[in-house]
Amino acid sequence: MENNARIAVLLRQIAALLEEQGVAFKPAAYRRAAKVLDELTRDVSDFKDVKELEALPGIGESIAKKIQEYLKTGRIAALDKLLGMQGGIPPALMEVEGLGPKRARQLQMALGIQTIADLMKAAEAGKLNGLPGFSETMQQKILENAKRVSERVRRFPREEVKDDVAALLKKIRGVEGIEQCEVAGSFRREKETVGDIDVLVVTKSAKNVSDAIAELSIVRDVVAHGDKKLSFDLQSGIRVDIRFVKRDQWGAALLYFTGSKEHNIALRKRAIQRGWKLNEYGLFEGEKIIASREEEDIYKALSLPFVEPLKRTDVLP
């Protein structure tokens, strides 16, 4: 969910900048909203307006409007204004965990650092250690966090990560309590590059399974840990999002999280033409569920042949 992750980063930037100004209460609200987006089990762009976003816990009208603004324009004007008020701190530096406005400005002034690449180069050369407030331990931690930012914006060649994905699925399927497990997203659609790995899991013991997966040796850093979603980085650096779903919603969830977004929109439009609703929980007529258990059931209900994942575009057969 690239939109969710990106907007969560921006909301945390706003929180840090407001905190720098001594603003009370608001920073905590922005951080809570960022956490909600991190743990959201659907792409935030699926919410059609501010009112729908406000229905989410921790999302008020002001933050909902900023989310909509980003989805429409790719920017948040309030964040741009805050960055300008802080003397033009390079926005990229604000994405590095542990590097708040004060330290970012300090690095900019002392070392001329403007980009993540500049920061990594300076840290690797040992130039941060010795600056006021910077220790060797902090320098190493900032370097590690800067590398993670680089990984987040990188797309990985499918061939480069396919062995990791196979190993991950094997380990997950070996966890007690797993009933079903499958990779989704762009990897399942066999795209040449992938930004992250989406995995769906069916289990009756989501909390225990989530805890067990988080302890696997292949896991590097856990960033969200719950009984609906577990997010972490593999040792290779690629982000993994695991979502725990009910068995009778498996097909709808697999279809939704496989994508593409354009294919999902085309299917939803076909459902709407029949007076139905399609989402990650199933195909519905009012409150009555028409299909959800398997992907094939949904295509059949919509009078469509099954579409293989790699052919899921905006054009329906």
C-alpha atoms as a PDB file:
ATOM      1  CA  MET A   1       0.000   0.000   0.000  1.00  0.00           C
ATOM      2  CA  GLU A   2       2.341   2.698  -1.240  1.00  0.00           C
ATOM      3  CA  ASN A   3      -0.146   5.554  -0.668  1.00  0.00           C
ATOM      4  CA  ASN A   4      -0.674   4.543   2.949  1.00  0.00           C
ATOM      5  CA  ALA A   5       3.033   4.299   3.704  1.00  0.00           C
ATOM      6  CA  ARG A   6       3.894   7.541   1.929  1.00  0.00           C
ATOM      7  CA  ILE A   7       1.152   9.604   3.577  1.00  0.00           C
ATOM      8  CA  ALA A   8       2.023   8.132   6.994  1.00  0.00           C
ATOM      9  CA  VAL A   9       5.592   9.388   6.526  1.00  0.00           C
ATOM     10  CA  LEU A  10       4.336  12.874   5.640  1.00  0.00           C
ATOM     11  CA  LEU A  11       1.994  12.995   8.637  1.00  0.00           C
ATOM     12  CA  ARG A  12       4.890  12.104  10.927  1.00  0.00           C
ATOM     13  CA  GLN A  13       6.905  14.906   9.343  1.00  0.00           C
ATOM     14  CA  ILE A  14       4.108  17.348  10.161  1.00  0.00           C
ATOM     15  CA  ALA A  15       4.058  16.031  13.734  1.00  0.00           C
ATOM     16  CA  ALA A  16       7.818  16.540  14.130  1.00  0.00           C
ATOM     17  CA  LEU A  17       7.705  20.066  12.703  1.00  0.00           C
ATOM     18  CA  LEU A  18       4.760  21.089  14.897  1.00  0.00           C
ATOM     19  CA  GLU A  19       6.544  19.663  17.912  1.00  0.00           C
ATOM     20  CA  GLU A  20       9.610  21.740  17.003  1.00  0.00           C
ATOM     21  CA  GLN A  21       7.392  24.830  17.161  1.00  0.00           C
ATOM     22  CA  GLY A  22       6.091  23.871  20.587  1.00  0.00           C
ATOM     23  CA  VAL A  23       2.547  23.185  19.371  1.00  0.00           C
ATOM     24  CA  ALA A  24       0.617  21.099  21.894  1.00  0.00           C
ATOM     25  CA  PHE A  25      -1.653  18.087  21.213  1.00  0.00           C
ATOM     26  CA  LYS A  26      -1.549  18.226  17.392  1.00  0.00           C
ATOM     27  CA  PRO A  27       1.714  16.242  16.976  1.00  0.00           C
ATOM     28  CA  ALA A  28       0.191  13.299  18.847  1.00  0.00           C
ATOM     29  CA  ALA A  29      -2.904  13.448  16.621  1.00  0.00           C
ATOM     30  CA  TYR A  30      -0.801  13.308  13.445  1.00  0.00           C
ATOM     31  CA  ARG A  31       1.219  10.387  14.791  1.00  0.00           C
ATOM     32  CA  ARG A  32      -1.961   8.504  15.693  1.00  0.00           C
ATOM     33  CA  ALA A  33      -3.297   9.085  12.181  1.00  0.00           C
ATOM     34  CA  ALA A  34      -0.008   7.859  10.681  1.00  0.00           C
ATOM     35  CA  LYS A  35      -0.260   4.666  12.741  1.00  0.00           C
ATOM     36  CA  VAL A  36      -3.821   4.127  11.508  1.00  0.00           C
ATOM     37  CA  LEU A  37      -2.609   4.393   7.891  1.00  0.00           C
ATOM     38  CA  ASP A  38       0.291   2.012   8.577  1.00  0.00           C
ATOM     39  CA  GLU A  39      -2.148  -0.601   9.879  1.00  0.00           C
ATOM     40  CA  LEU A  40      -4.929   0.019   7.347  1.00  0.00           C
ATOM     41  CA  THR A  41      -5.812  -3.134   5.418  1.00  0.00           C
ATOM     42  CA  ARG A  42      -6.896  -1.301   2.252  1.00  0.00           C
ATOM     43  CA  ASP A  43      -5.398   1.459   0.130  1.00  0.00           C
ATOM     44  CA  VAL A  44      -6.407   4.884   1.414  1.00  0.00           C
ATOM     45  CA  SER A  45      -7.234   5.943  -2.149  1.00  0.00           C
ATOM     46  CA  ASP A  46     -10.250   3.606  -1.991  1.00  0.00           C
ATOM     47  CA  PHE A  47     -11.990   6.049   0.353  1.00  0.00           C
ATOM     48  CA  LYS A  48     -14.010   8.280  -1.936  1.00  0.00           C
ATOM     49  CA  ASP A  49     -14.194  11.428   0.185  1.00  0.00           C
ATOM     50  CA  VAL A  50     -13.339  13.195   3.440  1.00  0.00           C
ATOM     51  CA  LYS A  51     -16.411  11.802   5.207  1.00  0.00           C
ATOM     52  CA  GLU A  52     -15.377   8.211   4.571  1.00  0.00           C
ATOM     53  CA  LEU A  53     -11.856   8.936   5.849  1.00  0.00           C
ATOM     54  CA  GLU A  54     -13.281  10.569   8.985  1.00  0.00           C
ATOM     55  CA  ALA A  55     -14.981   7.262   9.802  1.00  0.00           C
ATOM     56  CA  LEU A  56     -11.528   5.805  10.494  1.00  0.00           C
ATOM     57  CA  PRO A  57     -10.381   5.972  14.123  1.00  0.00           C
ATOM     58  CA  GLY A  58      -7.912   8.805  14.711  1.00  0.00           C
ATOM     59  CA  ILE A  59      -8.691  10.609  11.437  1.00  0.00           C
ATOM     60  CA  GLY A  60     -10.373  13.995  11.917  1.00  0.00           C
ATOM     61  CA  GLU A  61     -11.600  16.385   9.255  1.00  0.00           C
ATOM     62  CA  SER A  62      -8.335  18.357   9.017  1.00  0.00           C
ATOM     63  CA  ILE A  63      -6.159  15.272   8.535  1.00  0.00           C
ATOM     64  CA  ALA A  64      -8.712  13.687   6.189  1.00  0.00           C
ATOM     65  CA  LYS A  65      -8.543  16.794   3.976  1.00  0.00           C
ATOM     66  CA  LYS A  66      -4.742  16.577   3.908  1.00  0.00           C
ATOM     67  CA  ILE A  67      -4.932  12.925   2.867  1.00  0.00           C
ATOM     68  CA  GLN A  68      -7.326  13.802   0.053  1.00  0.00           C
ATOM     69  CA  GLU A  69      -5.077  16.698  -0.951  1.00  0.00           C
ATOM     70  CA  TYR A  70      -2.088  14.385  -1.278  1.00  0.00           C
ATOM     71  CA  LEU A  71      -4.077  11.845  -3.307  1.00  0.00           C
ATOM     72  CA  LYS A  72      -5.150  14.591  -5.726  1.00  0.00           C
ATOM     73  CA  THR A  73      -1.946  16.664  -5.954  1.00  0.00           C
ATOM     74  CA  GLY A  74       0.911  14.556  -4.596  1.00  0.00           C
ATOM     75  CA  ARG A  75       1.674  17.222  -1.967  1.00  0.00           C
ATOM     76  CA  ILE A  76       0.407  18.596   1.348  1.00  0.00           C
ATOM     77  CA  ALA A  77       0.508  22.395   1.355  1.00  0.00           C
ATOM     78  CA  ALA A  78       0.591  22.598   5.173  1.00  0.00           C
ATOM     79  CA  LEU A  79       3.750  20.467   5.226  1.00  0.00           C
ATOM     80  CA  ASP A  80       5.396  22.593   2.521  1.00  0.00           C
ATOM     81  CA  LYS A  81       4.603  25.686   4.604  1.00  0.00           C
ATOM     82  CA  LEU A  82       6.053  24.150   7.753  1.00  0.00           C
ATOM     83  CA  LEU A  83       9.224  23.160   5.928  1.00  0.00           C
ATOM     84  CA  GLY A  84       9.543  26.696   4.588  1.00  0.00           C
ATOM     85  CA  MET A  85       9.136  28.115   8.087  1.00  0.00           C
ATOM     86  CA  GLN A  86      11.970  25.877   9.248  1.00  0.00           C
ATOM     87  CA  GLY A  87      14.473  27.487   6.901  1.00  0.00           C
ATOM     88  CA  GLY A  88      14.049  25.141   3.975  1.00  0.00           C
ATOM     89  CA  ILE A  89      15.008  21.846   5.606  1.00  0.00           C
ATOM     90  CA  PRO A  90      15.427  19.279   2.793  1.00  0.00           C
ATOM     91  CA  PRO A  91      12.203  17.212   2.885  1.00  0.00           C
ATOM     92  CA  ALA A  92      14.129  13.994   2.222  1.00  0.00           C
ATOM     93  CA  LEU A  93      16.013  14.301   5.519  1.00  0.00           C
ATOM     94  CA  MET A  94      12.747  14.482   7.426  1.00  0.00           C
ATOM     95  CA  GLU A  95      11.944  10.954   6.269  1.00  0.00           C
ATOM     96  CA  VAL A  96      14.854   9.492   8.254  1.00  0.00           C
ATOM     97  CA  GLU A  97      13.704   8.101  11.581  1.00  0.00           C
ATOM     98  CA  GLY A  98      15.499   9.742  14.496  1.00  0.00           C
ATOM     99  CA  LEU A  99      16.480  12.798  12.469  1.00  0.00           C
ATOM    100  CA  GLY A 100      14.150  15.585  13.586  1.00  0.00           C
ATOM    101  CA  PRO A 101      14.068  19.197  12.330  1.00  0.00           C
ATOM    102  CA  LYS A 102      16.884  20.399  14.608  1.00  0.00           C
ATOM    103  CA  ARG A 103      19.333  17.701  13.600  1.00  0.00           C
ATOM    104  CA  ALA A 104      18.346  17.889   9.930  1.00  0.00           C
ATOM    105  CA  ARG A 105      19.003  21.644   9.936  1.00  0.00           C
ATOM    106  CA  GLN A 106      22.283  21.094  11.787  1.00  0.00           C
ATOM    107  CA  LEU A 107      23.506  18.609   9.171  1.00  0.00           C
ATOM    108  CA  GLN A 108      22.422  20.907   6.365  1.00  0.00           C
ATOM    109  CA  MET A 109      24.316  23.869   7.849  1.00  0.00           C
ATOM    110  CA  ALA A 110      27.430  21.997   9.008  1.00  0.00           C
ATOM    111  CA  LEU A 111      27.939  19.540   6.163  1.00  0.00           C
ATOM    112  CA  GLY A 112      25.752  20.805   3.311  1.00  0.00           C
ATOM    113  CA  ILE A 113      23.666  17.632   3.373  1.00  0.00           C
ATOM    114  CA  GLN A 114      20.596  17.906   1.111  1.00  0.00           C
ATOM    115  CA  THR A 115      19.695  14.342   0.133  1.00  0.00           C
ATOM    116  CA  ILE A 116      19.544  10.827   1.563  1.00  0.00           C
ATOM    117  CA  ALA A 117      22.571   9.968  -0.594  1.00  0.00           C
ATOM    118  CA  ASP A 118      24.493  12.920   0.920  1.00  0.00           C
ATOM    119  CA  LEU A 119      23.554  11.745   4.400  1.00  0.00           C
ATOM    120  CA  MET A 120      24.614   8.137   3.796  1.00  0.00           C
ATOM    121  CA  LYS A 121      27.920   9.244   2.286  1.00  0.00           C
ATOM    122  CA  ALA A 122      28.680  11.557   5.218  1.00  0.00           C
ATOM    123  CA  ALA A 123      27.736   8.921   7.806  1.00  0.00           C
ATOM    124  CA  GLU A 124      29.831   6.244   6.100  1.00  0.00           C
ATOM    125  CA  ALA A 125      32.781   8.658   6.141  1.00  0.00           C
ATOM    126  CA  GLY A 126      32.283   9.270   9.862  1.00  0.00           C
ATOM    127  CA  LYS A 127      31.506  12.975   9.441  1.00  0.00           C
ATOM    128  CA  LEU A 128      28.467  13.010  11.750  1.00  0.00           C
ATOM    129  CA  ASN A 129      30.372  11.683  14.755  1.00  0.00           C
ATOM    130  CA  GLY A 130      31.808  14.652  16.640  1.00  0.00           C
ATOM    131  CA  LEU A 131      29.155  17.168  15.640  1.00  0.00           C
ATOM    132  CA  PRO A 132      27.385  18.610  18.712  1.00  0.00           C
ATOM    133  CA  GLY A 133      24.809  16.092  19.895  1.00  0.00           C
ATOM    134  CA  PHE A 134      25.992  13.302  17.560  1.00  0.00           C
ATOM    135  CA  SER A 135      27.782  10.189  18.817  1.00  0.00           C
ATOM    136  CA  GLU A 136      29.260   7.251  16.924  1.00  0.00           C
ATOM    137  CA  THR A 137      26.264   5.134  17.973  1.00  0.00           C
ATOM    138  CA  MET A 138      23.822   7.756  16.717  1.00  0.00           C
ATOM    139  CA  GLN A 139      25.743   8.086  13.464  1.00  0.00           C
ATOM    140  CA  GLN A 140      25.421   4.342  12.851  1.00  0.00           C
ATOM    141  CA  LYS A 141      21.711   4.363  13.702  1.00  0.00           C
ATOM    142  CA  ILE A 142      21.027   7.292  11.367  1.00  0.00           C
ATOM    143  CA  LEU A 143      22.948   5.509   8.604  1.00  0.00           C
ATOM    144  CA  GLU A 144      20.807   2.383   9.062  1.00  0.00           C
ATOM    145  CA  ASN A 145      17.596   4.421   9.012  1.00  0.00           C
ATOM    146  CA  ALA A 146      18.732   6.359   5.926  1.00  0.00           C
ATOM    147  CA  LYS A 147      19.341   3.073   4.113  1.00  0.00           C
ATOM    148  CA  ARG A 148      15.785   2.007   4.953  1.00  0.00           C
ATOM    149  CA  VAL A 149      14.411   5.180   3.390  1.00  0.00           C
ATOM    150  CA  SER A 150      16.354   4.333   0.227  1.00  0.00           C
ATOM    151  CA  GLU A 151      14.907   0.831   0.292  1.00  0.00           C
ATOM    152  CA  ARG A 152      11.342   2.133   0.693  1.00  0.00           C
ATOM    153  CA  VAL A 153      11.510   4.139  -2.520  1.00  0.00           C
ATOM    154  CA  ARG A 154      13.356   1.433  -4.437  1.00  0.00           C
ATOM    155  CA  ARG A 155      11.668  -1.091  -6.686  1.00  0.00           C
ATOM    156  CA  PHE A 156      13.260  -4.530  -6.557  1.00  0.00           C
ATOM    157  CA  PRO A 157      13.682  -6.721  -9.657  1.00  0.00           C
ATOM    158  CA  ARG A 158      11.371  -9.724  -9.311  1.00  0.00           C
ATOM    159  CA  GLU A 159      14.230 -12.108 -10.066  1.00  0.00           C
ATOM    160  CA  GLU A 160      16.223 -10.563  -7.217  1.00  0.00           C
ATOM    161  CA  VAL A 161      13.590 -11.231  -4.551  1.00  0.00           C
ATOM    162  CA  LYS A 162      11.804 -14.378  -5.752  1.00  0.00           C
ATOM    163  CA  ASP A 163      14.015 -16.708  -3.667  1.00  0.00           C
ATOM    164  CA  ASP A 164      13.357 -14.566  -0.590  1.00  0.00           C
ATOM    165  CA  VAL A 165       9.620 -14.722  -1.252  1.00  0.00           C
ATOM    166  CA  ALA A 166       9.716 -18.504  -1.670  1.00  0.00           C
ATOM    167  CA  ALA A 167      11.685 -18.857   1.575  1.00  0.00           C
ATOM    168  CA  LEU A 168       9.294 -16.517   3.381  1.00  0.00           C
ATOM    169  CA  LEU A 169       6.186 -18.416   2.242  1.00  0.00           C
ATOM    170  CA  LYS A 170       7.769 -21.726   3.268  1.00  0.00           C
ATOM    171  CA  LYS A 171       8.533 -20.400   6.750  1.00  0.00           C
ATOM    172  CA  ILE A 172       5.084 -18.832   7.180  1.00  0.00           C
ATOM    173  CA  ARG A 173       3.338 -22.023   6.064  1.00  0.00           C
ATOM    174  CA  GLY A 174       5.347 -23.856   8.709  1.00  0.00           C
ATOM    175  CA  VAL A 175       3.869 -21.752  11.509  1.00  0.00           C
ATOM    176  CA  GLU A 176       1.292 -23.581  13.614  1.00  0.00           C
ATOM    177  CA  GLY A 177      -2.252 -22.382  12.984  1.00  0.00           C
ATOM    178  CA  ILE A 178      -1.822 -21.378   9.310  1.00  0.00           C
ATOM    179  CA  GLU A 179      -4.705 -22.622   7.147  1.00  0.00           C
ATOM    180  CA  GLN A 180      -3.887 -20.792   3.917  1.00  0.00           C
ATOM    181  CA  CYS A 181      -1.086 -18.528   2.763  1.00  0.00           C
ATOM    182  CA  GLU A 182      -0.439 -16.894  -0.616  1.00  0.00           C
ATOM    183  CA  VAL A 183       1.506 -13.972  -2.044  1.00  0.00           C
ATOM    184  CA  ALA A 184      -0.521 -11.227  -3.721  1.00  0.00           C
ATOM    185  CA  GLY A 185       0.252  -7.793  -5.188  1.00  0.00           C
ATOM    186  CA  SER A 186       2.540  -7.052  -8.103  1.00  0.00           C
ATOM    187  CA  PHE A 187       4.639 -10.127  -7.333  1.00  0.00           C
ATOM    188  CA  ARG A 188       1.658 -12.395  -8.012  1.00  0.00           C
ATOM    189  CA  ARG A 189       0.947 -10.417 -11.181  1.00  0.00           C
ATOM    190  CA  GLU A 190       4.526 -11.254 -12.237  1.00  0.00           C
ATOM    191  CA  LYS A 191       5.620  -7.663 -12.749  1.00  0.00           C
ATOM    192  CA  GLU A 192       9.302  -7.183 -13.567  1.00  0.00           C
ATOM    193  CA  THR A 193       9.837  -5.041 -10.463  1.00  0.00           C
ATOM    194  CA  VAL A 194       8.051  -4.904  -7.104  1.00  0.00           C
ATOM    195  CA  GLY A 195       7.949  -2.224  -4.420  1.00  0.00           C
ATOM    196  CA  ASP A 196       6.860  -4.526  -1.601  1.00  0.00           C
ATOM    197  CA  ILE A 197       5.459  -7.989  -0.961  1.00  0.00           C
ATOM    198  CA  ASP A 198       1.813  -8.538   0.011  1.00  0.00           C
ATOM    199  CA  VAL A 199       0.942 -11.830   1.692  1.00  0.00           C
ATOM    200  CA  LEU A 200      -2.497 -13.072   2.763  1.00  0.00           C
ATOM    201  CA  VAL A 201      -2.922 -15.542   5.607  1.00  0.00           C
ATOM    202  CA  VAL A 202      -5.990 -17.420   6.832  1.00  0.00           C
ATOM    203  CA  THR A 203      -5.866 -18.488  10.473  1.00  0.00           C
ATOM    204  CA  LYS A 204      -8.183 -18.803  13.462  1.00  0.00           C
ATOM    205  CA  SER A 205      -5.374 -17.635  15.777  1.00  0.00           C
ATOM    206  CA  ALA A 206      -4.258 -14.353  14.193  1.00  0.00           C
ATOM    207  CA  LYS A 207      -2.513 -12.941  17.283  1.00  0.00           C
ATOM    208  CA  ASN A 208      -0.479 -16.090  17.962  1.00  0.00           C
ATOM    209  CA  VAL A 209       0.402 -16.480  14.294  1.00  0.00           C
ATOM    210  CA  SER A 210       1.360 -12.804  13.993  1.00  0.00           C
ATOM    211  CA  ASP A 211       3.643 -13.127  17.034  1.00  0.00           C
ATOM    212  CA  ALA A 212       5.247 -16.289  15.636  1.00  0.00           C
ATOM    213  CA  ILE A 213       5.902 -14.774  12.193  1.00  0.00           C
ATOM    214  CA  ALA A 214       7.440 -11.658  13.784  1.00  0.00           C
ATOM    215  CA  GLU A 215      10.001 -13.915  15.472  1.00  0.00           C
ATOM    216  CA  LEU A 216      11.138 -15.654  12.264  1.00  0.00           C
ATOM    217  CA  SER A 217      14.844 -15.279  11.488  1.00  0.00           C
ATOM    218  CA  ILE A 218      14.089 -13.922   8.007  1.00  0.00           C
ATOM    219  CA  VAL A 219      12.408 -10.872   9.584  1.00  0.00           C
ATOM    220  CA  ARG A 220      14.611  -7.792  10.056  1.00  0.00           C
ATOM    221  CA  ASP A 221      12.527  -4.900  11.392  1.00  0.00           C
ATOM    222  CA  VAL A 222       8.881  -5.059  12.462  1.00  0.00           C
ATOM    223  CA  VAL A 223       7.067  -1.774  11.760  1.00  0.00           C
ATOM    224  CA  ALA A 224       3.436  -2.766  12.440  1.00  0.00           C
ATOM    225  CA  HIS A 225       2.357  -5.704  14.580  1.00  0.00           C
ATOM    226  CA  GLY A 226      -1.257  -6.660  15.127  1.00  0.00           C
ATOM    227  CA  ASP A 227      -3.844  -9.371  14.563  1.00  0.00           C
ATOM    228  CA  LYS A 228      -5.071  -7.820  11.303  1.00  0.00           C
ATOM    229  CA  LYS A 229      -1.778  -6.758   9.743  1.00  0.00           C
ATOM    230  CA  LEU A 230       1.920  -7.445  10.266  1.00  0.00           C
ATOM    231  CA  SER A 231       4.534  -5.352   8.429  1.00  0.00           C
ATOM    232  CA  PHE A 232       8.281  -5.890   8.437  1.00  0.00           C
ATOM    233  CA  ASP A 233      11.410  -5.733   6.298  1.00  0.00           C
ATOM    234  CA  LEU A 234      13.236  -8.807   5.093  1.00  0.00           C
ATOM    235  CA  GLN A 235      17.004  -9.004   5.406  1.00  0.00           C
ATOM    236  CA  SER A 236      17.195  -7.945   1.741  1.00  0.00           C
ATOM    237  CA  GLY A 237      15.412  -4.696   2.653  1.00  0.00           C
ATOM    238  CA  ILE A 238      12.103  -5.254   0.883  1.00  0.00           C
ATOM    239  CA  ARG A 239       8.956  -4.502   2.897  1.00  0.00           C
ATOM    240  CA  VAL A 240       6.434  -7.298   3.574  1.00  0.00           C
ATOM    241  CA  ASP A 241       2.798  -6.662   4.510  1.00  0.00           C
ATOM    242  CA  ILE A 242       0.934  -9.671   5.872  1.00  0.00           C
ATOM    243  CA  ARG A 243      -2.830  -9.428   6.225  1.00  0.00           C
ATOM    244  CA  PHE A 244      -4.896 -11.890   8.232  1.00  0.00           C
ATOM    245  CA  VAL A 245      -8.265 -12.633   6.641  1.00  0.00           C
ATOM    246  CA  LYS A 246     -11.225 -14.923   7.280  1.00  0.00           C
ATOM    247  CA  ARG A 247     -11.526 -18.143   5.291  1.00  0.00           C
ATOM    248  CA  ASP A 248     -14.887 -17.225   3.821  1.00  0.00           C
ATOM    249  CA  GLN A 249     -13.444 -13.886   2.596  1.00  0.00           C
ATOM    250  CA  TRP A 250     -10.304 -15.404   1.092  1.00  0.00           C
ATOM    251  CA  GLY A 251     -11.226 -15.026  -2.578  1.00  0.00           C
ATOM    252  CA  ALA A 252     -12.353 -11.408  -2.257  1.00  0.00           C
ATOM    253  CA  ALA A 253      -9.246 -10.466  -0.288  1.00  0.00           C
ATOM    254  CA  LEU A 254      -6.882 -12.242  -2.682  1.00  0.00           C
ATOM    255  CA  LEU A 255      -8.541 -10.559  -5.657  1.00  0.00           C
ATOM    256  CA  TYR A 256      -8.399  -7.111  -4.042  1.00  0.00           C
ATOM    257  CA  PHE A 257      -4.812  -7.285  -2.803  1.00  0.00           C
ATOM    258  CA  THR A 258      -3.524  -8.834  -6.033  1.00  0.00           C
ATOM    259  CA  GLY A 259      -4.743  -5.875  -8.107  1.00  0.00           C
ATOM    260  CA  SER A 260      -4.021  -4.208 -10.327  1.00  0.00           C
ATOM    261  CA  LYS A 261      -5.813  -1.134  -9.003  1.00  0.00           C
ATOM    262  CA  GLU A 262      -7.198  -0.522 -12.509  1.00  0.00           C
ATOM    263  CA  HIS A 263      -8.522  -4.102 -12.688  1.00  0.00           C
ATOM    264  CA  ASN A 264     -10.203  -3.741  -9.298  1.00  0.00           C
ATOM    265  CA  ILE A 265     -11.878  -0.509 -10.418  1.00  0.00           C
ATOM    266  CA  ALA A 266     -13.137  -2.172 -13.605  1.00  0.00           C
ATOM    267  CA  LEU A 267     -14.608  -5.048 -11.572  1.00  0.00           C
ATOM    268  CA  ARG A 268     -16.240  -2.665  -9.085  1.00  0.00           C
ATOM    269  CA  LYS A 269     -17.839  -0.722 -11.961  1.00  0.00           C
ATOM    270  CA  ARG A 270     -19.265  -3.959 -13.373  1.00  0.00           C
ATOM    271  CA  ALA A 271     -20.674  -4.814  -9.957  1.00  0.00           C
ATOM    272  CA  ILE A 272     -22.221  -1.336  -9.605  1.00  0.00           C
ATOM    273  CA  GLN A 273     -23.925  -1.752 -12.999  1.00  0.00           C
ATOM    274  CA  ARG A 274     -25.791  -4.692 -11.462  1.00  0.00           C
ATOM    275  CA  GLY A 275     -26.648  -2.800  -8.298  1.00  0.00           C
ATOM    276  CA  TRP A 276     -23.998  -4.685  -6.325  1.00  0.00           C
ATOM    277  CA  LYS A 277     -20.935  -3.725  -4.290  1.00  0.00           C
ATOM    278  CA  LEU A 278     -17.461  -5.305  -4.490  1.00  0.00           C
ATOM    279  CA  ASN A 279     -14.705  -4.810  -1.924  1.00  0.00           C
ATOM    280  CA  GLU A 280     -11.995  -6.800  -0.138  1.00  0.00           C
ATOM    281  CA  TYR A 281     -14.660  -8.620   1.924  1.00  0.00           C
ATOM    282  CA  GLY A 282     -16.840  -9.878  -0.902  1.00  0.00           C
ATOM    283  CA  LEU A 283     -19.386  -9.191  -3.618  1.00  0.00           C
ATOM    284  CA  PHE A 284     -22.638  -7.932  -2.064  1.00  0.00           C
ATOM    285  CA  GLU A 285     -26.220  -7.170  -2.997  1.00  0.00           C
ATOM    286  CA  GLY A 286     -27.172  -4.891  -0.134  1.00  0.00           C
ATOM    287  CA  GLU A 287     -26.152  -6.849   2.965  1.00  0.00           C
ATOM    288  CA  LYS A 288     -26.492 -10.206   1.212  1.00  0.00           C
ATOM    289  CA  ILE A 289     -23.190 -11.770   0.181  1.00  0.00           C
ATOM    290  CA  ILE A 290     -23.139 -13.114  -3.372  1.00  0.00           C
ATOM    291  CA  ALA A 291     -19.554 -14.412  -3.570  1.00  0.00           C
ATOM    292  CA  SER A 292     -16.337 -14.134  -1.558  1.00  0.00           C
ATOM    293  CA  ARG A 293     -14.811 -17.513  -0.794  1.00  0.00           C
ATOM    294  CA  GLU A 294     -12.792 -17.966  -4.004  1.00  0.00           C
ATOM    295  CA  GLU A 295     -11.698 -15.574  -6.768  1.00  0.00           C
ATOM    296  CA  GLU A 296     -13.387 -17.745  -9.366  1.00  0.00           C
ATOM    297  CA  ASP A 297     -16.724 -17.343  -7.562  1.00  0.00           C
ATOM    298  CA  ILE A 298     -16.581 -13.556  -7.945  1.00  0.00           C
ATOM    299  CA  TYR A 299     -15.695 -13.637 -11.653  1.00  0.00           C
ATOM    300  CA  LYS A 300     -18.468 -16.185 -12.265  1.00  0.00           C
ATOM    301  CA  ALA A 301     -21.041 -14.060 -10.415  1.00  0.00           C
ATOM    302  CA  LEU A 302     -20.031 -11.090 -12.591  1.00  0.00           C
ATOM    303  CA  SER A 303     -20.438 -13.275 -15.726  1.00  0.00           C
ATOM    304  CA  LEU A 304     -16.720 -13.113 -16.471  1.00  0.00           C
ATOM    305  CA  PRO A 305     -14.157 -15.827 -17.192  1.00  0.00           C
ATOM    306  CA  PHE A 306     -11.402 -16.155 -14.601  1.00  0.00           C
ATOM    307  CA  VAL A 307      -8.552 -13.741 -15.344  1.00  0.00           C
ATOM    308  CA  GLU A 308      -5.019 -14.913 -14.555  1.00  0.00           C
ATOM    309  CA  PRO A 309      -3.172 -12.452 -12.273  1.00  0.00           C
ATOM    310  CA  LEU A 310      -0.601 -11.382 -14.877  1.00  0.00           C
ATOM    311  CA  LYS A 311      -3.437 -10.326 -17.232  1.00  0.00           C
ATOM    312  CA  ARG A 312      -5.362  -8.202 -14.718  1.00  0.00           C
ATOM    313  CA  THR A 313      -5.521  -4.808 -16.381  1.00  0.00           C
ATOM    314  CA  ASP A 314      -8.305  -2.230 -16.758  1.00  0.00           C
ATOM    315  CA  VAL A 315      -9.722  -4.144 -19.744  1.00  0.00           C
ATOM    316  CA  LEU A 316     -12.169  -6.895 -18.808  1.00  0.00           C
ATOM    317  CA  PRO A 317     -12.624  -9.955 -21.035  1.00  0.00           C
END
